[in-house]
Amino acid sequence: MKKALLYLIGFVILASQSSCGYNTMVQKDETVEAAWANVQNAYQRRADLVPNLVNTVKGAANFEQETLTRVIEARSKATSVQLSGDDLTPENIQRFQQAQNELGSSLSRLLVSVEQYPELKANQNFLELQAQLEGTENRIAVERRNFNNAVQDYNTTVRSFPNNIMAGIYGFERKGHFQADADAQRAPTVQF
């Protein structure tokens, strides 16, 4: 009789755990981690294109070494900041994003400087790399949006009643979103 009662209690506990939202929270947590991996993949693609771009620029023009050095250093810094799905706090995401923003900014300066070199602008390798970088930037934007959507869905689940009770018990915490850089609020100045 005691064994039957223990089995019944065990079954009730298992049944209540499966209906308490635990499995849903695990699924959504995994979705956030997968979305984060896609963000990192898109940024890695950009980092992989940078050496090809730098070498093409070096080979096609007597380019300003300081600009190229900044791009190389920014790439190194951006690839050194790595986050796992468990470290997705707003502070860590901001640190990651800051390193990526520095790389994006140095790439923008590089592309603006290219305007002074007509032979480089006409170089087919450079044009292809420039198009790949543009496509990669679009991929990054899409993956960041997908990540934010996954985080929103996850955060809504772990904060909603009664899931919030189980989330607290099992250690499911809110995750951070990607947020726009503070400078993104200002419109760029265009001068001719």
Protein backbone atom coordinates (compact mmCIF):
# COMPACT_ATOMS: atom_id res chain seq x y z
CA MET A 1 0.00 0.00 0.00
CA LYS A 2 2.84 2.41 0.86
CA LYS A 3 4.51 1.73 -2.51
CA ALA A 4 1.28 2.43 -4.35
CA LEU A 5 0.88 5.70 -2.43
CA LEU A 6 4.48 6.71 -3.23
CA TYR A 7 3.94 5.91 -6.92
CA LEU A 8 0.74 7.95 -6.89
CA ILE A 9 2.48 10.91 -5.24
CA GLY A 10 5.35 10.64 -7.73
CA PHE A 11 2.93 10.54 -10.62
CA VAL A 12 1.05 13.58 -9.31
CA ILE A 13 4.31 15.50 -8.92
CA LEU A 14 5.42 14.62 -12.45
CA ALA A 15 2.02 15.48 -13.88
CA SER A 16 1.95 18.81 -12.05
CA GLN A 17 5.48 19.63 -13.25
CA SER A 18 4.58 19.03 -16.86
CA SER A 19 1.49 21.22 -16.60
CA CYS A 20 3.16 23.99 -14.58
CA GLY A 21 4.91 25.45 -17.59
CA TYR A 22 8.37 24.09 -16.82
CA ASN A 23 8.69 22.36 -20.19
CA THR A 24 7.45 25.47 -21.96
CA MET A 25 10.04 27.59 -20.15
CA VAL A 26 12.78 25.12 -21.13
CA GLN A 27 11.64 25.23 -24.75
CA LYS A 28 11.56 29.03 -24.81
CA ASP A 29 14.96 29.21 -23.10
CA GLU A 30 16.37 26.97 -25.82
CA THR A 31 14.75 29.16 -28.48
CA VAL A 32 16.47 32.22 -26.98
CA GLU A 33 19.81 30.41 -26.97
CA ALA A 34 19.34 29.35 -30.60
CA ALA A 35 18.42 32.90 -31.58
CA TRP A 36 21.53 34.17 -29.76
CA ALA A 37 23.67 31.65 -31.64
CA ASN A 38 22.25 33.02 -34.90
CA VAL A 39 23.15 36.57 -33.82
CA GLN A 40 26.69 35.45 -33.07
CA ASN A 41 26.85 33.62 -36.40
CA ALA A 42 25.89 36.78 -38.29
CA TYR A 43 28.50 38.82 -36.42
CA GLN A 44 31.09 36.11 -37.05
CA ARG A 45 30.34 36.29 -40.78
CA ARG A 46 31.10 40.01 -40.66
CA ALA A 47 34.31 39.40 -38.71
CA ASP A 48 35.36 36.78 -41.28
CA LEU A 49 34.84 39.24 -44.15
CA VAL A 50 36.98 41.96 -42.56
CA PRO A 51 40.43 40.43 -43.28
CA ASN A 52 39.47 39.96 -46.94
CA LEU A 53 38.27 43.54 -47.14
CA VAL A 54 41.43 44.87 -45.48
CA ASN A 55 43.70 42.84 -47.78
CA THR A 56 41.79 44.01 -50.86
CA VAL A 57 42.09 47.63 -49.76
CA LYS A 58 45.80 47.19 -48.97
CA GLY A 59 46.46 45.64 -52.35
CA ALA A 60 44.52 48.15 -54.40
CA ALA A 61 45.66 51.43 -52.91
CA ASN A 62 48.30 53.08 -50.82
CA PHE A 63 45.72 53.36 -48.08
CA GLU A 64 45.96 55.11 -44.72
CA GLN A 65 47.50 52.57 -42.38
CA GLU A 66 45.80 54.08 -39.33
CA THR A 67 42.33 53.36 -40.74
CA LEU A 68 43.24 49.76 -41.53
CA THR A 69 44.82 49.30 -38.10
CA ARG A 70 41.64 50.55 -36.40
CA VAL A 71 39.54 48.08 -38.38
CA ILE A 72 41.86 45.20 -37.48
CA GLU A 73 41.90 46.14 -33.79
CA ALA A 74 38.12 46.57 -33.67
CA ARG A 75 37.66 43.15 -35.29
CA SER A 76 39.97 41.57 -32.71
CA LYS A 77 38.08 43.19 -29.85
CA ALA A 78 34.67 42.26 -31.31
CA THR A 79 35.61 38.60 -31.71
CA SER A 80 37.06 38.41 -28.20
CA VAL A 81 33.72 39.23 -26.52
CA GLN A 82 31.74 35.99 -26.43
CA LEU A 83 28.51 35.29 -24.56
CA SER A 84 26.74 32.02 -23.98
CA GLY A 85 22.99 31.68 -23.68
CA ASP A 86 23.34 31.62 -19.89
CA ASP A 87 25.07 35.04 -19.80
CA LEU A 88 22.40 37.09 -21.56
CA THR A 89 22.11 39.84 -18.99
CA PRO A 90 21.48 43.39 -20.21
CA GLU A 91 25.00 44.38 -19.09
CA ASN A 92 26.71 41.54 -20.98
CA ILE A 93 24.65 42.17 -24.11
CA GLN A 94 25.57 45.85 -23.93
CA ARG A 95 29.27 44.95 -23.62
CA PHE A 96 28.98 42.62 -26.63
CA GLN A 97 27.07 45.22 -28.62
CA GLN A 98 29.60 47.94 -27.79
CA ALA A 99 32.44 45.83 -29.21
CA GLN A 100 30.39 45.11 -32.32
CA ASN A 101 29.49 48.80 -32.69
CA GLU A 102 33.18 49.72 -32.61
CA LEU A 103 33.82 47.31 -35.48
CA GLY A 104 30.85 48.67 -37.42
CA SER A 105 32.03 52.23 -36.87
CA SER A 106 35.58 51.49 -38.03
CA LEU A 107 34.21 49.69 -41.10
CA SER A 108 32.06 52.73 -41.88
CA ARG A 109 35.12 55.00 -41.64
CA LEU A 110 37.00 52.63 -43.95
CA LEU A 111 34.22 52.67 -46.54
CA VAL A 112 33.97 56.48 -46.39
CA SER A 113 37.74 56.76 -46.89
CA VAL A 114 37.51 54.58 -49.98
CA GLU A 115 35.73 57.42 -51.78
CA GLN A 116 39.15 59.04 -52.25
CA TYR A 117 40.43 56.07 -54.27
CA PRO A 118 38.61 55.70 -57.61
CA GLU A 119 40.72 52.69 -58.65
CA LEU A 120 39.68 50.88 -55.47
CA LYS A 121 35.99 51.69 -55.96
CA ALA A 122 36.23 50.11 -59.41
CA ASN A 123 37.98 46.95 -58.13
CA GLN A 124 35.61 44.00 -58.57
CA ASN A 125 36.87 42.19 -55.44
CA PHE A 126 36.24 45.27 -53.36
CA LEU A 127 32.77 45.75 -54.81
CA GLU A 128 31.87 42.11 -54.06
CA LEU A 129 33.16 42.38 -50.50
CA GLN A 130 31.27 45.63 -50.00
CA ALA A 131 28.05 43.95 -51.21
CA GLN A 132 28.68 40.98 -48.90
CA LEU A 133 29.21 43.32 -45.95
CA GLU A 134 25.98 45.12 -46.74
CA GLY A 135 24.13 41.79 -46.90
CA THR A 136 25.76 40.72 -43.65
CA GLU A 137 24.66 43.92 -41.91
CA ASN A 138 21.11 43.14 -43.04
CA ARG A 139 21.44 39.59 -41.67
CA ILE A 140 22.66 40.97 -38.36
CA ALA A 141 19.62 43.24 -38.14
CA VAL A 142 17.27 40.33 -38.89
CA GLU A 143 18.94 38.03 -36.35
CA ARG A 144 18.89 40.71 -33.65
CA ARG A 145 15.17 41.22 -34.29
CA ASN A 146 14.56 37.46 -34.12
CA PHE A 147 16.56 37.31 -30.89
CA ASN A 148 14.56 40.15 -29.34
CA ASN A 149 11.31 38.41 -30.33
CA ALA A 150 12.48 35.16 -28.71
CA VAL A 151 13.55 37.02 -25.56
CA GLN A 152 10.22 38.82 -25.38
CA ASP A 153 8.32 35.53 -25.68
CA TYR A 154 10.54 33.89 -23.04
CA ASN A 155 10.34 36.85 -20.63
CA THR A 156 6.56 37.00 -20.99
CA THR A 157 6.33 33.32 -20.12
CA VAL A 158 8.59 33.45 -17.05
CA ARG A 159 6.89 36.58 -15.72
CA SER A 160 3.29 35.42 -16.23
CA PHE A 161 1.30 33.79 -13.44
CA PRO A 162 1.58 30.91 -12.52
CA ASN A 163 4.76 30.36 -14.51
CA ASN A 164 6.53 33.06 -12.51
CA ILE A 165 6.28 30.87 -9.41
CA MET A 166 7.83 27.89 -11.15
CA ALA A 167 10.37 30.11 -12.91
CA GLY A 168 11.54 31.34 -9.51
CA ILE A 169 11.77 27.83 -8.14
CA TYR A 170 13.74 26.51 -11.11
CA GLY A 171 15.92 29.57 -11.69
CA PHE A 172 14.48 30.84 -14.96
CA GLU A 173 15.41 34.53 -15.01
CA ARG A 174 14.61 37.32 -17.41
CA LYS A 175 17.00 37.72 -20.31
CA GLY A 176 18.26 40.96 -21.83
CA HIS A 177 17.32 42.41 -25.22
CA PHE A 178 19.50 43.98 -27.86
CA GLN A 179 18.95 47.71 -27.64
CA ALA A 180 19.78 50.46 -30.07
CA ASP A 181 22.99 52.33 -29.51
CA ALA A 182 22.41 55.70 -27.84
CA ASP A 183 23.85 57.48 -30.90
CA ALA A 184 21.28 55.80 -33.15
CA GLN A 185 18.73 58.35 -31.92
CA ARG A 186 20.57 61.20 -33.66
CA ALA A 187 20.17 61.71 -37.38
CA PRO A 188 23.50 61.78 -39.26
CA THR A 189 24.69 65.10 -40.64
CA VAL A 190 25.20 65.09 -44.40
CA GLN A 191 27.44 67.79 -45.84
CA PHE A 192 28.34 68.39 -49.47
